[in-house]
Protein backbone atom coordinates (compact mmCIF):
# COMPACT_ATOMS: atom_id res chain seq x y z
CA UNK A 1 -55.39 16.79 -38.59
CA UNK A 2 -53.48 19.54 -36.84
CA UNK A 3 -50.02 18.17 -38.25
CA UNK A 4 -50.56 16.45 -41.37
CA UNK A 5 -46.95 15.67 -42.03
CA UNK A 6 -45.72 14.61 -38.56
CA UNK A 7 -42.52 12.19 -37.90
CA UNK A 8 -42.85 9.47 -35.28
CA UNK A 9 -40.13 7.52 -33.88
CA UNK A 10 -39.73 3.85 -33.45
CA UNK A 11 -36.63 2.43 -31.87
CA UNK A 12 -34.84 5.92 -32.40
CA UNK A 13 -35.62 5.78 -36.27
CA UNK A 14 -37.56 8.52 -37.94
CA UNK A 15 -40.73 7.43 -39.81
CA UNK A 16 -42.36 9.69 -41.94
CA UNK A 17 -46.15 9.87 -42.02
CA UNK A 18 -49.02 12.15 -43.55
CA UNK A 19 -52.40 12.63 -43.17
CA UNK A 20 -54.17 11.47 -46.67
CA UNK A 21 -57.65 10.80 -47.37
CA UNK A 22 -58.90 10.63 -43.61
CA UNK A 23 -56.16 8.11 -42.89
CA UNK A 24 -52.31 7.93 -41.53
CA UNK A 25 -49.77 6.84 -44.46
CA UNK A 26 -46.59 5.73 -43.68
CA UNK A 27 -43.45 5.67 -45.39
CA UNK A 28 -42.56 1.79 -46.49
CA UNK A 29 -38.77 2.37 -46.63
CA UNK A 30 -38.78 4.35 -43.00
CA UNK A 31 -40.61 1.11 -41.43
CA UNK A 32 -38.37 -1.46 -43.41
CA UNK A 33 -35.24 0.69 -41.94
CA UNK A 34 -36.57 0.62 -38.55
CA UNK A 35 -37.45 -3.03 -38.30
CA UNK A 36 -34.69 -4.66 -40.76
CA UNK A 37 -31.05 -4.27 -40.42
CA UNK A 38 -30.46 -3.99 -44.16
CA UNK A 39 -28.26 -1.41 -45.34
CA UNK A 40 -30.19 -1.11 -48.45
CA UNK A 41 -33.76 -0.70 -47.18
CA UNK A 42 -34.96 0.07 -50.73
CA UNK A 43 -33.50 -2.83 -52.07
CA UNK A 44 -34.88 -4.91 -49.44
CA UNK A 45 -38.40 -3.39 -49.92
CA UNK A 46 -38.29 -4.13 -53.68
CA UNK A 47 -37.26 -7.96 -52.68
CA UNK A 48 -40.28 -7.88 -50.27
CA UNK A 49 -42.92 -6.46 -52.85
CA UNK A 50 -42.08 -9.49 -55.13
CA UNK A 51 -42.68 -11.88 -52.49
CA UNK A 52 -45.84 -10.45 -51.29
CA UNK A 53 -47.10 -10.59 -54.70
CA UNK A 54 -46.31 -14.34 -54.72
CA UNK A 55 -48.35 -14.73 -51.75
CA UNK A 56 -51.39 -12.81 -53.26
CA UNK A 57 -50.73 -9.34 -51.33
CA UNK A 58 -50.78 -7.03 -54.34
CA UNK A 59 -48.49 -4.34 -53.46
CA UNK A 60 -49.40 -1.95 -56.39
CA UNK A 61 -53.04 -1.98 -55.26
CA UNK A 62 -52.42 -1.07 -51.80
CA UNK A 63 -49.16 1.38 -51.86
CA UNK A 64 -49.69 4.58 -52.81
CA UNK A 65 -46.74 7.27 -53.83
CA UNK A 66 -47.17 10.41 -51.90
CA UNK A 67 -44.93 13.47 -51.61
CA UNK A 68 -42.92 13.40 -48.19
CA UNK A 69 -39.87 15.41 -46.88
CA UNK A 70 -36.80 13.60 -47.86
CA UNK A 71 -33.47 14.06 -46.13
CA UNK A 72 -32.61 16.94 -48.09
CA UNK A 73 -35.57 19.13 -47.45
CA UNK A 74 -37.04 18.64 -50.89
CA UNK A 75 -40.39 16.65 -51.27
CA UNK A 76 -40.17 13.23 -52.94
CA UNK A 77 -42.49 10.48 -53.85
CA UNK A 78 -41.93 7.67 -51.89
CA UNK A 79 -44.08 4.45 -51.21
CA UNK A 80 -46.60 4.63 -48.77
CA UNK A 81 -49.14 2.29 -46.95
CA UNK A 82 -51.98 2.88 -44.45
CA UNK A 83 -51.94 1.23 -41.40
CA UNK A 84 -54.08 -1.81 -42.09
CA UNK A 85 -51.69 -2.45 -45.20
CA UNK A 86 -48.64 -1.55 -43.37
CA UNK A 87 -49.48 -4.26 -40.69
CA UNK A 88 -49.48 -6.83 -43.36
CA UNK A 89 -46.15 -5.62 -44.85
CA UNK A 90 -44.53 -5.66 -41.16
CA UNK A 91 -45.77 -9.19 -40.71
CA UNK A 92 -43.96 -10.07 -43.87
CA UNK A 93 -40.83 -8.98 -42.71
CA UNK A 94 -38.96 -11.93 -40.48
């Protein structure tokens, strides 16, 4: 991959992604922020993880923590999902 840490833009929101183990992984917080009008996307994601677990989707098996550049320029670990698992998360957002 030429640019392994590339931002994509969806509805004017920046979504961090990284090429990892031959697949694109996207920042879950960035996706939640782009799709949900929540002022606290981290809290929304925390609540959504619990709901997903109740429905049989085990986020802890499907989510990986990867280092990505944060707004302050430092690399920080954040919850990430590959395309397949991200679609499942997106389907769970009303």
